[in-house]
Amino acid sequence: HTGGEADYRTAALIARWEPADGIAITPFWSRTGISDEENPPL
């Protein structure tokens, strides 16, 4: 809202594995790439 601009690239990977009843394993990974980010002036 102050006219600043930026490019973002977001990605996420998630898995859900239930090797047996009552057991759950959930690994995950995510990334946000920040490029030419112009923050609001203070």
All heavy atoms as atom14 arrays in JSON, in Angstrom:
{
  "sequence": "HTGGEADYRTAALIARWEPADGIAITPFWSRTGISDEENPPL",
  "atom14_mask": [
    [1, 1, 1, 1, 1, 1, 1, 1, 1, 1, 0, 0, 0, 0],
    [1, 1, 1, 1, 1, 1, 1, 0, 0, 0, 0, 0, 0, 0],
    [1, 1, 1, 1, 0, 0, 0, 0, 0, 0, 0, 0, 0, 0],
    [1, 1, 1, 1, 0, 0, 0, 0, 0, 0, 0, 0, 0, 0],
    [1, 1, 1, 1, 1, 1, 1, 1, 1, 0, 0, 0, 0, 0],
    [1, 1, 1, 1, 1, 0, 0, 0, 0, 0, 0, 0, 0, 0],
    [1, 1, 1, 1, 1, 1, 1, 1, 0, 0, 0, 0, 0, 0],
    [1, 1, 1, 1, 1, 1, 1, 1, 1, 1, 1, 1, 0, 0],
    [1, 1, 1, 1, 1, 1, 1, 1, 1, 1, 1, 0, 0, 0],
    [1, 1, 1, 1, 1, 1, 1, 0, 0, 0, 0, 0, 0, 0],
    [1, 1, 1, 1, 1, 0, 0, 0, 0, 0, 0, 0, 0, 0],
    [1, 1, 1, 1, 1, 0, 0, 0, 0, 0, 0, 0, 0, 0],
    [1, 1, 1, 1, 1, 1, 1, 1, 0, 0, 0, 0, 0, 0],
    [1, 1, 1, 1, 1, 1, 1, 1, 0, 0, 0, 0, 0, 0],
    [1, 1, 1, 1, 1, 0, 0, 0, 0, 0, 0, 0, 0, 0],
    [1, 1, 1, 1, 1, 1, 1, 1, 1, 1, 1, 0, 0, 0],
    [1, 1, 1, 1, 1, 1, 1, 1, 1, 1, 1, 1, 1, 1],
    [1, 1, 1, 1, 1, 1, 1, 1, 1, 0, 0, 0, 0, 0],
    [1, 1, 1, 1, 1, 1, 1, 0, 0, 0, 0, 0, 0, 0],
    [1, 1, 1, 1, 1, 0, 0, 0, 0, 0, 0, 0, 0, 0],
    [1, 1, 1, 1, 1, 1, 1, 1, 0, 0, 0, 0, 0, 0],
    [1, 1, 1, 1, 0, 0, 0, 0, 0, 0, 0, 0, 0, 0],
    [1, 1, 1, 1, 1, 1, 1, 1, 0, 0, 0, 0, 0, 0],
    [1, 1, 1, 1, 1, 0, 0, 0, 0, 0, 0, 0, 0, 0],
    [1, 1, 1, 1, 1, 1, 1, 1, 0, 0, 0, 0, 0, 0],
    [1, 1, 1, 1, 1, 1, 1, 0, 0, 0, 0, 0, 0, 0],
    [1, 1, 1, 1, 1, 1, 1, 0, 0, 0, 0, 0, 0, 0],
    [1, 1, 1, 1, 1, 1, 1, 1, 1, 1, 1, 0, 0, 0],
    [1, 1, 1, 1, 1, 1, 1, 1, 1, 1, 1, 1, 1, 1],
    [1, 1, 1, 1, 1, 1, 0, 0, 0, 0, 0, 0, 0, 0],
    [1, 1, 1, 1, 1, 1, 1, 1, 1, 1, 1, 0, 0, 0],
    [1, 1, 1, 1, 1, 1, 1, 0, 0, 0, 0, 0, 0, 0],
    [1, 1, 1, 1, 0, 0, 0, 0, 0, 0, 0, 0, 0, 0],
    [1, 1, 1, 1, 1, 1, 1, 1, 0, 0, 0, 0, 0, 0],
    [1, 1, 1, 1, 1, 1, 0, 0, 0, 0, 0, 0, 0, 0],
    [1, 1, 1, 1, 1, 1, 1, 1, 0, 0, 0, 0, 0, 0],
    [1, 1, 1, 1, 1, 1, 1, 1, 1, 0, 0, 0, 0, 0],
    [1, 1, 1, 1, 1, 1, 1, 1, 1, 0, 0, 0, 0, 0],
    [1, 1, 1, 1, 1, 1, 1, 1, 0, 0, 0, 0, 0, 0],
    [1, 1, 1, 1, 1, 1, 1, 0, 0, 0, 0, 0, 0, 0],
    [1, 1, 1, 1, 1, 1, 1, 0, 0, 0, 0, 0, 0, 0],
    [1, 1, 1, 1, 1, 1, 1, 1, 0, 0, 0, 0, 0, 0]
  ],
  "atom14_positions": [
    [[0.8, -1.22, 0.0], [0.0, 0.0, 0.0], [0.83, 1.27, 0.0], [0.28, 2.36, -0.11], [-0.95, 0.0, 1.2], [-0.28, 0.19, 2.52], [0.62, -0.7, 3.05], [-0.38, 1.19, 3.44], [1.04, -0.28, 4.22], [0.44, 0.87, 4.48], [0.0, 0.0, 0.0], [0.0, 0.0, 0.0], [0.0, 0.0, 0.0], [0.0, 0.0, 0.0]],
    [[2.17, 1.14, 0.1], [3.03, 2.31, -0.02], [3.73, 2.35, -1.38], [4.66, 3.13, -1.56], [4.09, 2.31, 1.11], [4.89, 1.14, 1.01], [3.42, 2.38, 2.46], [0.0, 0.0, 0.0], [0.0, 0.0, 0.0], [0.0, 0.0, 0.0], [0.0, 0.0, 0.0], [0.0, 0.0, 0.0], [0.0, 0.0, 0.0], [0.0, 0.0, 0.0]],
    [[3.28, 1.53, -2.32], [3.83, 1.55, -3.67], [5.01, 0.64, -3.88], [5.52, 0.51, -4.99], [0.0, 0.0, 0.0], [0.0, 0.0, 0.0], [0.0, 0.0, 0.0], [0.0, 0.0, 0.0], [0.0, 0.0, 0.0], [0.0, 0.0, 0.0], [0.0, 0.0, 0.0], [0.0, 0.0, 0.0], [0.0, 0.0, 0.0], [0.0, 0.0, 0.0]],
    [[5.48, -0.03, -2.83], [6.6, -0.95, -2.97], [6.2, -2.22, -3.68], [5.04, -2.63, -3.65], [0.0, 0.0, 0.0], [0.0, 0.0, 0.0], [0.0, 0.0, 0.0], [0.0, 0.0, 0.0], [0.0, 0.0, 0.0], [0.0, 0.0, 0.0], [0.0, 0.0, 0.0], [0.0, 0.0, 0.0], [0.0, 0.0, 0.0], [0.0, 0.0, 0.0]],
    [[7.18, -2.87, -4.31], [6.92, -4.07, -5.08], [7.84, -5.19, -4.65], [8.86, -4.97, -3.99], [7.1, -3.78, -6.57], [6.19, -2.67, -7.09], [6.38, -2.36, -8.56], [7.35, -2.9, -9.15], [5.59, -1.6, -9.12], [0.0, 0.0, 0.0], [0.0, 0.0, 0.0], [0.0, 0.0, 0.0], [0.0, 0.0, 0.0], [0.0, 0.0, 0.0]],
    [[7.48, -6.42, -5.04], [8.32, -7.59, -4.75], [7.84, -8.77, -5.57], [6.67, -8.83, -5.97], [8.3, -7.92, -3.27], [0.0, 0.0, 0.0], [0.0, 0.0, 0.0], [0.0, 0.0, 0.0], [0.0, 0.0, 0.0], [0.0, 0.0, 0.0], [0.0, 0.0, 0.0], [0.0, 0.0, 0.0], [0.0, 0.0, 0.0], [0.0, 0.0, 0.0]],
    [[8.72, -9.68, -5.81], [8.38, -10.97, -6.41], [8.59, -12.06, -5.37], [9.63, -12.09, -4.68], [9.27, -11.27, -7.62], [8.84, -10.48, -8.84], [7.69, -10.04, -8.88], [9.68, -10.3, -9.75], [0.0, 0.0, 0.0], [0.0, 0.0, 0.0], [0.0, 0.0, 0.0], [0.0, 0.0, 0.0], [0.0, 0.0, 0.0], [0.0, 0.0, 0.0]],
    [[7.61, -12.96, -5.24], [7.71, -14.08, -4.33], [7.45, -15.38, -5.1], [6.59, -15.43, -5.98], [6.71, -13.98, -3.17], [6.88, -12.74, -2.32], [6.08, -11.63, -2.52], [7.86, -12.68, -1.33], [6.23, -10.49, -1.75], [8.02, -11.55, -0.55], [7.2, -10.46, -0.77], [7.36, -9.33, -0.01], [0.0, 0.0, 0.0], [0.0, 0.0, 0.0]],
    [[8.2, -16.4, -4.74], [7.98, -17.75, -5.27], [7.79, -18.67, -4.07], [8.68, -18.77, -3.21], [9.17, -18.21, -6.11], [9.49, -17.29, -7.28], [8.42, -17.38, -8.36], [8.75, -16.57, -9.54], [8.36, -15.32, -9.71], [7.63, -14.73, -8.76], [8.68, -14.64, -10.78], [0.0, 0.0, 0.0], [0.0, 0.0, 0.0], [0.0, 0.0, 0.0]],
    [[6.64, -19.31, -3.97], [6.36, -20.18, -2.83], [6.19, -21.62, -3.28], [5.68, -21.89, -4.39], [5.09, -19.72, -2.09], [3.96, -19.84, -2.97], [5.22, -18.27, -1.64], [0.0, 0.0, 0.0], [0.0, 0.0, 0.0], [0.0, 0.0, 0.0], [0.0, 0.0, 0.0], [0.0, 0.0, 0.0], [0.0, 0.0, 0.0], [0.0, 0.0, 0.0]],
    [[6.61, -22.54, -2.43], [6.47, -23.97, -2.74], [6.36, -24.75, -1.44], [6.92, -24.34, -0.41], [7.66, -24.47, -3.56], [0.0, 0.0, 0.0], [0.0, 0.0, 0.0], [0.0, 0.0, 0.0], [0.0, 0.0, 0.0], [0.0, 0.0, 0.0], [0.0, 0.0, 0.0], [0.0, 0.0, 0.0], [0.0, 0.0, 0.0], [0.0, 0.0, 0.0]],
    [[5.63, -25.86, -1.49], [5.5, -26.71, -0.31], [5.3, -28.16, -0.74], [4.66, -28.43, -1.77], [4.32, -26.27, 0.56], [0.0, 0.0, 0.0], [0.0, 0.0, 0.0], [0.0, 0.0, 0.0], [0.0, 0.0, 0.0], [0.0, 0.0, 0.0], [0.0, 0.0, 0.0], [0.0, 0.0, 0.0], [0.0, 0.0, 0.0], [0.0, 0.0, 0.0]],
    [[5.85, -29.08, 0.04], [5.66, -30.52, -0.14], [5.25, -31.11, 1.2], [5.85, -30.81, 2.23], [6.95, -31.18, -0.63], [7.49, -30.74, -1.99], [8.88, -31.34, -2.22], [6.55, -31.16, -3.1], [0.0, 0.0, 0.0], [0.0, 0.0, 0.0], [0.0, 0.0, 0.0], [0.0, 0.0, 0.0], [0.0, 0.0, 0.0], [0.0, 0.0, 0.0]],
    [[4.23, -31.95, 1.19], [3.73, -32.58, 2.4], [3.39, -34.04, 2.09], [2.86, -34.34, 1.0], [2.46, -31.88, 2.93], [2.64, -30.37, 2.99], [2.08, -32.4, 4.31], [1.37, -29.6, 3.33], [0.0, 0.0, 0.0], [0.0, 0.0, 0.0], [0.0, 0.0, 0.0], [0.0, 0.0, 0.0], [0.0, 0.0, 0.0], [0.0, 0.0, 0.0]],
    [[3.67, -34.91, 3.01], [3.27, -36.31, 2.88], [2.59, -36.75, 4.17], [2.9, -36.24, 5.25], [4.47, -37.2, 2.59], [0.0, 0.0, 0.0], [0.0, 0.0, 0.0], [0.0, 0.0, 0.0], [0.0, 0.0, 0.0], [0.0, 0.0, 0.0], [0.0, 0.0, 0.0], [0.0, 0.0, 0.0], [0.0, 0.0, 0.0], [0.0, 0.0, 0.0]],
    [[1.67, -37.67, 4.05], [1.03, -38.26, 5.24], [1.05, -39.78, 5.07], [0.49, -40.34, 4.12], [-0.4, -37.77, 5.41], [-1.09, -38.37, 6.63], [-2.42, -37.71, 6.9], [-3.15, -38.35, 7.99], [-2.94, -38.12, 9.28], [-2.01, -37.24, 9.63], [-3.65, -38.74, 10.22], [0.0, 0.0, 0.0], [0.0, 0.0, 0.0], [0.0, 0.0, 0.0]],
    [[1.75, -40.42, 6.01], [1.93, -41.88, 5.97], [1.39, -42.48, 7.26], [1.75, -42.04, 8.36], [3.41, -42.22, 5.8], [3.69, -43.7, 5.78], [2.96, -44.68, 5.15], [4.78, -44.36, 6.41], [3.52, -45.91, 5.36], [4.65, -45.76, 6.12], [5.86, -43.93, 7.18], [5.56, -46.7, 6.58], [6.78, -44.87, 7.64], [6.62, -46.24, 7.34]],
    [[0.5, -43.46, 7.13], [-0.06, -44.17, 8.27], [0.38, -45.62, 8.19], [-0.31, -46.47, 7.6], [-1.59, -44.05, 8.28], [-2.08, -42.61, 8.39], [-3.6, -42.5, 8.37], [-4.25, -43.54, 8.19], [-4.12, -41.39, 8.51], [0.0, 0.0, 0.0], [0.0, 0.0, 0.0], [0.0, 0.0, 0.0], [0.0, 0.0, 0.0], [0.0, 0.0, 0.0]],
    [[1.55, -45.94, 8.73], [2.06, -47.32, 8.61], [1.2, -48.35, 9.32], [1.25, -49.54, 8.98], [3.46, -47.23, 9.25], [3.4, -46.04, 10.15], [2.46, -45.08, 9.49], [0.0, 0.0, 0.0], [0.0, 0.0, 0.0], [0.0, 0.0, 0.0], [0.0, 0.0, 0.0], [0.0, 0.0, 0.0], [0.0, 0.0, 0.0], [0.0, 0.0, 0.0]],
    [[0.42, -47.91, 10.31], [-0.48, -48.82, 11.03], [-1.61, -47.98, 11.6], [-1.53, -46.75, 11.66], [0.27, -49.55, 12.14], [0.0, 0.0, 0.0], [0.0, 0.0, 0.0], [0.0, 0.0, 0.0], [0.0, 0.0, 0.0], [0.0, 0.0, 0.0], [0.0, 0.0, 0.0], [0.0, 0.0, 0.0], [0.0, 0.0, 0.0], [0.0, 0.0, 0.0]],
    [[-2.68, -48.65, 12.0], [-3.81, -47.93, 12.59], [-3.34, -47.17, 13.83], [-2.65, -47.72, 14.7], [-4.92, -48.91, 12.96], [-5.58, -49.53, 11.74], [-5.39, -48.98, 10.64], [-6.28, -50.55, 11.9], [0.0, 0.0, 0.0], [0.0, 0.0, 0.0], [0.0, 0.0, 0.0], [0.0, 0.0, 0.0], [0.0, 0.0, 0.0], [0.0, 0.0, 0.0]],
    [[-3.73, -45.91, 13.92], [-3.39, -45.09, 15.07], [-2.02, -44.45, 15.01], [-1.63, -43.75, 15.95], [0.0, 0.0, 0.0], [0.0, 0.0, 0.0], [0.0, 0.0, 0.0], [0.0, 0.0, 0.0], [0.0, 0.0, 0.0], [0.0, 0.0, 0.0], [0.0, 0.0, 0.0], [0.0, 0.0, 0.0], [0.0, 0.0, 0.0], [0.0, 0.0, 0.0]],
    [[-1.28, -44.65, 13.94], [0.06, -44.08, 13.79], [0.1, -43.24, 12.52], [-0.35, -43.69, 11.46], [1.14, -45.18, 13.73], [1.14, -46.0, 15.03], [2.52, -44.56, 13.51], [2.11, -47.16, 15.01], [0.0, 0.0, 0.0], [0.0, 0.0, 0.0], [0.0, 0.0, 0.0], [0.0, 0.0, 0.0], [0.0, 0.0, 0.0], [0.0, 0.0, 0.0]],
    [[0.59, -42.02, 12.62], [0.68, -41.13, 11.46], [2.01, -40.38, 11.5], [2.46, -39.93, 12.55], [-0.48, -40.14, 11.45], [0.0, 0.0, 0.0], [0.0, 0.0, 0.0], [0.0, 0.0, 0.0], [0.0, 0.0, 0.0], [0.0, 0.0, 0.0], [0.0, 0.0, 0.0], [0.0, 0.0, 0.0], [0.0, 0.0, 0.0], [0.0, 0.0, 0.0]],
    [[2.62, -40.28, 10.32], [3.89, -39.56, 10.17], [3.71, -38.55, 9.04], [3.3, -38.92, 7.93], [5.05, -40.52, 9.87], [5.2, -41.53, 11.02], [6.35, -39.74, 9.67], [6.21, -42.63, 10.72], [0.0, 0.0, 0.0], [0.0, 0.0, 0.0], [0.0, 0.0, 0.0], [0.0, 0.0, 0.0], [0.0, 0.0, 0.0], [0.0, 0.0, 0.0]],
    [[4.0, -37.28, 9.32], [3.77, -36.22, 8.34], [5.03, -35.37, 8.18], [5.27, -34.45, 8.96], [2.61, -35.31, 8.77], [1.44, -36.1, 9.02], [2.29, -34.28, 7.7], [0.0, 0.0, 0.0], [0.0, 0.0, 0.0], [0.0, 0.0, 0.0], [0.0, 0.0, 0.0], [0.0, 0.0, 0.0], [0.0, 0.0, 0.0], [0.0, 0.0, 0.0]],
    [[5.87, -35.68, 7.18], [6.99, -34.79, 6.87], [6.53, -33.66, 5.95], [5.58, -33.82, 5.18], [7.98, -35.72, 6.16], [7.12, -36.76, 5.52], [5.89, -36.91, 6.39], [0.0, 0.0, 0.0], [0.0, 0.0, 0.0], [0.0, 0.0, 0.0], [0.0, 0.0, 0.0], [0.0, 0.0, 0.0], [0.0, 0.0, 0.0], [0.0, 0.0, 0.0]],
    [[7.21, -32.51, 6.04], [6.83, -31.37, 5.19], [8.04, -30.48, 4.96], [9.03, -30.5, 5.73], [5.7, -30.57, 5.83], [6.08, -29.89, 7.12], [6.59, -28.6, 7.13], [5.94, -30.55, 8.33], [6.96, -27.98, 8.31], [6.29, -29.94, 9.52], [6.82, -28.65, 9.51], [0.0, 0.0, 0.0], [0.0, 0.0, 0.0], [0.0, 0.0, 0.0]],
    [[7.94, -29.68, 3.92], [9.0, -28.71, 3.57], [8.34, -27.58, 2.8], [7.43, -27.81, 1.98], [10.06, -29.37, 2.71], [11.08, -28.42, 2.12], [12.25, -28.01, 2.69], [11.0, -27.77, 0.85], [12.9, -27.14, 1.84], [12.16, -26.97, 0.71], [10.05, -27.77, -0.19], [12.4, -26.19, -0.42], [10.29, -27.0, -1.31], [11.45, -26.22, -1.41]],
    [[8.8, -26.36, 3.06], [8.28, -25.22, 2.29], [9.38, -24.18, 2.11], [10.31, -24.09, 2.91], [7.07, -24.59, 2.98], [7.47, -23.92, 4.16], [0.0, 0.0, 0.0], [0.0, 0.0, 0.0], [0.0, 0.0, 0.0], [0.0, 0.0, 0.0], [0.0, 0.0, 0.0], [0.0, 0.0, 0.0], [0.0, 0.0, 0.0], [0.0, 0.0, 0.0]],
    [[9.22, -23.4, 1.05], [10.18, -22.34, 0.75], [9.44, -21.14, 0.19], [8.51, -21.27, -0.63], [11.23, -22.79, -0.26], [12.26, -21.71, -0.63], [13.22, -22.19, -1.71], [14.23, -21.19, -2.0], [14.08, -20.19, -2.88], [12.95, -20.07, -3.56], [15.06, -19.31, -3.09], [0.0, 0.0, 0.0], [0.0, 0.0, 0.0], [0.0, 0.0, 0.0]],
    [[9.85, -19.95, 0.63], [9.4, -18.7, 0.04], [10.63, -17.95, -0.45], [11.5, -17.6, 0.35], [8.64, -17.83, 1.06], [7.49, -18.53, 1.52], [8.22, -16.51, 0.44], [0.0, 0.0, 0.0], [0.0, 0.0, 0.0], [0.0, 0.0, 0.0], [0.0, 0.0, 0.0], [0.0, 0.0, 0.0], [0.0, 0.0, 0.0], [0.0, 0.0, 0.0]],
    [[10.72, -17.75, -1.74], [11.8, -16.97, -2.32], [11.42, -15.5, -2.39], [10.31, -15.16, -2.82], [0.0, 0.0, 0.0], [0.0, 0.0, 0.0], [0.0, 0.0, 0.0], [0.0, 0.0, 0.0], [0.0, 0.0, 0.0], [0.0, 0.0, 0.0], [0.0, 0.0, 0.0], [0.0, 0.0, 0.0], [0.0, 0.0, 0.0], [0.0, 0.0, 0.0]],
    [[12.3, -14.63, -1.94], [12.05, -13.19, -1.88], [12.97, -12.49, -2.86], [14.2, -12.66, -2.79], [12.3, -12.65, -0.45], [11.49, -13.43, 0.57], [12.0, -11.16, -0.37], [11.91, -13.17, 2.01], [0.0, 0.0, 0.0], [0.0, 0.0, 0.0], [0.0, 0.0, 0.0], [0.0, 0.0, 0.0], [0.0, 0.0, 0.0], [0.0, 0.0, 0.0]],
    [[12.4, -11.7, -3.74], [13.2, -11.02, -4.76], [12.76, -9.58, -4.91], [11.56, -9.29, -5.04], [13.06, -11.75, -6.11], [13.8, -11.1, -7.12], [0.0, 0.0, 0.0], [0.0, 0.0, 0.0], [0.0, 0.0, 0.0], [0.0, 0.0, 0.0], [0.0, 0.0, 0.0], [0.0, 0.0, 0.0], [0.0, 0.0, 0.0], [0.0, 0.0, 0.0]],
    [[13.71, -8.66, -4.86], [13.45, -7.22, -5.08], [12.32, -6.7, -4.2], [11.46, -5.94, -4.65], [13.14, -6.95, -6.55], [14.35, -7.15, -7.44], [15.47, -7.09, -6.93], [14.16, -7.38, -8.65], [0.0, 0.0, 0.0], [0.0, 0.0, 0.0], [0.0, 0.0, 0.0], [0.0, 0.0, 0.0], [0.0, 0.0, 0.0], [0.0, 0.0, 0.0]],
    [[12.34, -7.07, -2.94], [11.28, -6.66, -2.01], [11.52, -5.24, -1.52], [12.56, -4.94, -0.92], [11.23, -7.62, -0.83], [10.16, -7.27, 0.19], [10.25, -8.13, 1.43], [11.3, -8.1, 2.09], [9.27, -8.83, 1.73], [0.0, 0.0, 0.0], [0.0, 0.0, 0.0], [0.0, 0.0, 0.0], [0.0, 0.0, 0.0], [0.0, 0.0, 0.0]],
    [[10.55, -4.38, -1.75], [10.6, -2.99, -1.29], [9.66, -2.85, -0.08], [8.44, -2.81, -0.26], [10.19, -2.03, -2.4], [11.1, -2.07, -3.61], [10.59, -1.19, -4.74], [9.37, -0.94, -4.81], [11.42, -0.76, -5.57], [0.0, 0.0, 0.0], [0.0, 0.0, 0.0], [0.0, 0.0, 0.0], [0.0, 0.0, 0.0], [0.0, 0.0, 0.0]],
    [[10.22, -2.78, 1.09], [9.4, -2.65, 2.29], [8.89, -1.22, 2.44], [9.51, -0.27, 1.95], [10.19, -3.04, 3.54], [10.2, -4.54, 3.77], [9.32, -5.25, 3.29], [11.18, -5.02, 4.51], [0.0, 0.0, 0.0], [0.0, 0.0, 0.0], [0.0, 0.0, 0.0], [0.0, 0.0, 0.0], [0.0, 0.0, 0.0], [0.0, 0.0, 0.0]],
    [[7.78, -1.02, 3.15], [7.26, 0.33, 3.37], [8.28, 1.2, 4.1], [9.01, 0.72, 4.99], [6.02, 0.11, 4.24], [5.6, -1.29, 3.94], [6.86, -2.05, 3.7], [0.0, 0.0, 0.0], [0.0, 0.0, 0.0], [0.0, 0.0, 0.0], [0.0, 0.0, 0.0], [0.0, 0.0, 0.0], [0.0, 0.0, 0.0], [0.0, 0.0, 0.0]],
    [[8.38, 2.48, 3.76], [9.27, 3.39, 4.48], [8.73, 3.69, 5.88], [7.52, 3.73, 6.09], [9.29, 4.64, 3.6], [7.97, 4.62, 2.89], [7.65, 3.16, 2.67], [0.0, 0.0, 0.0], [0.0, 0.0, 0.0], [0.0, 0.0, 0.0], [0.0, 0.0, 0.0], [0.0, 0.0, 0.0], [0.0, 0.0, 0.0], [0.0, 0.0, 0.0]],
    [[9.64, 3.92, 6.82], [9.27, 4.22, 8.19], [9.51, 5.7, 8.45], [10.57, 6.24, 8.13], [10.11, 3.39, 9.17], [10.16, 1.88, 8.88], [11.02, 1.17, 9.92], [8.76, 1.29, 8.83], [0.0, 0.0, 0.0], [0.0, 0.0, 0.0], [0.0, 0.0, 0.0], [0.0, 0.0, 0.0], [0.0, 0.0, 0.0], [0.0, 0.0, 0.0]]
  ]
}
